[in-house]
Amino acid sequence: MNSSVRRAALLAAVALLLGASAALAASVKVGAVKGAKYAGTVRDEAVTVTVAANGKSAKVSIPFAPAFCQGGGGGEVQHTQSAPVKGGELTAKISYTVEHSSRVFATVTIKGTFMNSNFDGQLKSSFTPAKECDGQESFFATTSKK
């Protein structure tokens, strides 16, 4: 093949890929399903994202702060609040204390985007007394509601 034929074939392939990606983007609705509960996992911990009935806020729950180090834990109390959903995006924070204490030892921040029945998220754990346990990980959560 000469260079002009190769160039034409390459341009045609690029145009085809651009058209396909535009069609896919148009078919994916960005936004949360109102009243839905999304479920996923991070480091073997269950993550749930519960969207309010009006779709304007969501509450994230993770029973234990995911640690990115060896060690044990126990007696954690999760403190979470609803966070706003704006433009299909969510940023929520959860703090953790030891039972019968008000001292926060860990904070988990969840950022992500709702794409109809899917939530594409990033979780970041921060530990006050043990920085070596800090870390972050991407996760995916889904809902059966549509």
Protein backbone atom coordinates (compact mmCIF):
# COMPACT_ATOMS: atom_id res chain seq x y z
CA MET A 1 0.00 0.00 0.00
CA ASN A 2 1.26 3.45 -0.79
CA SER A 3 1.24 6.22 1.80
CA SER A 4 -1.83 8.06 0.47
CA VAL A 5 -3.96 4.89 0.59
CA ARG A 6 -2.71 4.16 4.11
CA ARG A 7 -3.47 7.72 5.18
CA ALA A 8 -7.02 7.50 3.74
CA ALA A 9 -7.61 4.17 5.53
CA LEU A 10 -6.33 5.61 8.80
CA LEU A 11 -8.55 8.68 8.50
CA ALA A 12 -11.58 6.48 7.77
CA ALA A 13 -10.83 4.34 10.84
CA VAL A 14 -10.48 7.43 13.06
CA ALA A 15 -13.78 8.84 11.74
CA LEU A 16 -15.50 5.51 12.44
CA LEU A 17 -14.15 5.42 16.01
CA LEU A 18 -15.18 9.01 16.68
CA GLY A 19 -18.69 8.33 15.41
CA ALA A 20 -19.02 5.19 17.54
CA SER A 21 -17.79 6.94 20.70
CA ALA A 22 -20.18 9.85 20.13
CA ALA A 23 -23.09 7.42 19.73
CA LEU A 24 -22.08 5.59 22.92
CA ALA A 25 -21.76 8.85 24.87
CA ALA A 26 -25.20 9.92 23.71
CA SER A 27 -26.73 6.64 24.92
CA VAL A 28 -25.24 6.84 28.46
CA LYS A 29 -27.27 9.11 30.71
CA VAL A 30 -25.22 10.89 33.35
CA GLY A 31 -27.14 11.14 36.60
CA ALA A 32 -28.32 9.10 39.55
CA VAL A 33 -31.44 6.95 39.55
CA LYS A 34 -33.79 8.57 42.07
CA GLY A 35 -34.31 6.43 45.19
CA ALA A 36 -31.84 3.77 44.02
CA LYS A 37 -29.30 1.88 46.11
CA TYR A 38 -25.97 1.20 44.38
CA ALA A 39 -23.75 -1.63 45.70
CA GLY A 40 -20.06 -2.40 45.18
CA THR A 41 -16.93 -3.44 47.08
CA VAL A 42 -13.55 -1.94 47.96
CA ARG A 43 -10.88 -4.13 49.55
CA ASP A 44 -13.54 -6.71 50.48
CA GLU A 45 -15.69 -4.07 52.19
CA ALA A 46 -19.26 -3.51 51.02
CA VAL A 47 -19.92 -0.01 49.70
CA THR A 48 -23.48 1.25 49.33
CA VAL A 49 -24.58 4.54 47.83
CA THR A 50 -28.24 5.35 48.56
CA VAL A 51 -29.75 8.12 46.45
CA ALA A 52 -32.55 10.27 47.87
CA ALA A 53 -36.01 9.97 46.32
CA ASN A 54 -35.57 13.37 44.67
CA GLY A 55 -32.11 12.45 43.28
CA LYS A 56 -30.47 15.58 44.72
CA SER A 57 -28.39 13.90 47.42
CA ALA A 58 -26.93 10.52 48.35
CA LYS A 59 -25.55 8.80 51.44
CA VAL A 60 -22.54 6.48 51.31
CA SER A 61 -21.99 3.64 53.76
CA ILE A 62 -18.89 1.49 54.37
CA PRO A 63 -18.97 -0.37 57.70
CA PHE A 64 -15.17 -0.26 58.16
CA ALA A 65 -12.61 2.19 56.80
CA PRO A 66 -10.61 0.25 54.16
CA ALA A 67 -6.97 0.07 55.26
CA PHE A 68 -4.16 -0.31 52.75
CA CYS A 69 -1.82 -2.03 55.21
CA GLN A 70 -1.72 -5.15 57.38
CA GLY A 71 -3.39 -5.05 60.73
CA GLY A 72 -6.64 -5.53 62.47
CA GLY A 73 -9.32 -3.33 63.75
CA GLY A 74 -12.59 -3.49 65.47
CA GLY A 75 -15.14 -1.46 67.27
CA GLU A 76 -15.35 1.19 64.55
CA VAL A 77 -18.31 3.54 64.41
CA GLN A 78 -19.15 5.08 61.04
CA HIS A 79 -20.41 8.69 60.88
CA THR A 80 -21.90 9.57 57.50
CA GLN A 81 -24.17 12.29 56.16
CA SER A 82 -25.99 12.93 52.92
CA ALA A 83 -23.96 14.72 50.27
CA PRO A 84 -25.26 16.67 47.26
CA VAL A 85 -25.43 15.12 43.80
CA LYS A 86 -24.62 17.82 41.24
CA GLY A 87 -24.39 17.16 37.51
CA GLY A 88 -24.35 13.43 38.20
CA GLU A 89 -21.31 13.75 40.49
CA LEU A 90 -20.97 12.97 44.19
CA THR A 91 -18.31 13.76 46.78
CA ALA A 92 -18.99 12.35 50.25
CA LYS A 93 -16.96 11.96 53.43
CA ILE A 94 -17.30 9.40 56.18
CA SER A 95 -15.50 9.70 59.50
CA TYR A 96 -14.76 6.79 61.84
CA THR A 97 -14.34 6.77 65.61
CA VAL A 98 -13.64 4.01 68.11
CA GLU A 99 -16.68 2.86 70.07
CA HIS A 100 -17.44 5.15 73.04
CA SER A 101 -15.10 7.87 71.75
CA SER A 102 -15.49 11.04 69.73
CA ARG A 103 -11.90 10.99 68.43
CA VAL A 104 -11.80 10.50 64.65
CA PHE A 105 -9.08 8.05 63.62
CA ALA A 106 -10.00 7.61 59.94
CA THR A 107 -11.73 9.49 57.15
CA VAL A 108 -12.93 8.03 53.86
CA THR A 109 -13.67 10.28 50.89
CA ILE A 110 -15.73 8.95 47.99
CA LYS A 111 -15.86 10.78 44.67
CA GLY A 112 -17.65 9.51 41.64
CA THR A 113 -20.07 9.87 38.78
CA PHE A 114 -23.50 8.32 38.37
CA MET A 115 -24.16 6.93 34.90
CA ASN A 116 -27.78 5.81 35.16
CA SER A 117 -27.62 2.37 36.83
CA ASN A 118 -23.82 2.52 37.44
CA PHE A 119 -21.61 4.52 39.80
CA ASP A 120 -17.95 4.91 38.85
CA GLY A 121 -16.12 5.88 42.02
CA GLN A 122 -12.81 6.54 43.70
CA LEU A 123 -12.34 5.87 47.43
CA LYS A 124 -9.57 7.43 49.49
CA SER A 125 -8.82 6.34 53.08
CA SER A 126 -6.86 8.55 55.49
CA PHE A 127 -5.82 7.31 58.92
CA THR A 128 -4.75 9.79 61.59
CA PRO A 129 -2.48 7.57 63.70
CA ALA A 130 -1.22 5.30 60.89
CA LYS A 131 -0.42 7.13 57.64
CA GLU A 132 1.09 3.92 56.23
CA CYS A 133 -2.50 2.60 56.00
CA ASP A 134 -3.65 5.50 53.76
CA GLY A 135 -4.55 4.62 50.21
CA GLN A 136 -7.02 4.91 47.39
CA GLU A 137 -8.77 2.60 44.98
CA SER A 138 -11.28 2.84 42.16
CA PHE A 139 -14.51 0.89 42.41
CA PHE A 140 -17.71 0.30 40.52
CA ALA A 141 -21.19 0.04 42.01
CA THR A 142 -24.45 -0.91 40.30
CA THR A 143 -28.17 -0.81 40.99
CA SER A 144 -30.94 -2.99 39.67
CA LYS A 145 -33.32 0.03 39.50
CA LYS A 146 -33.55 1.75 36.14
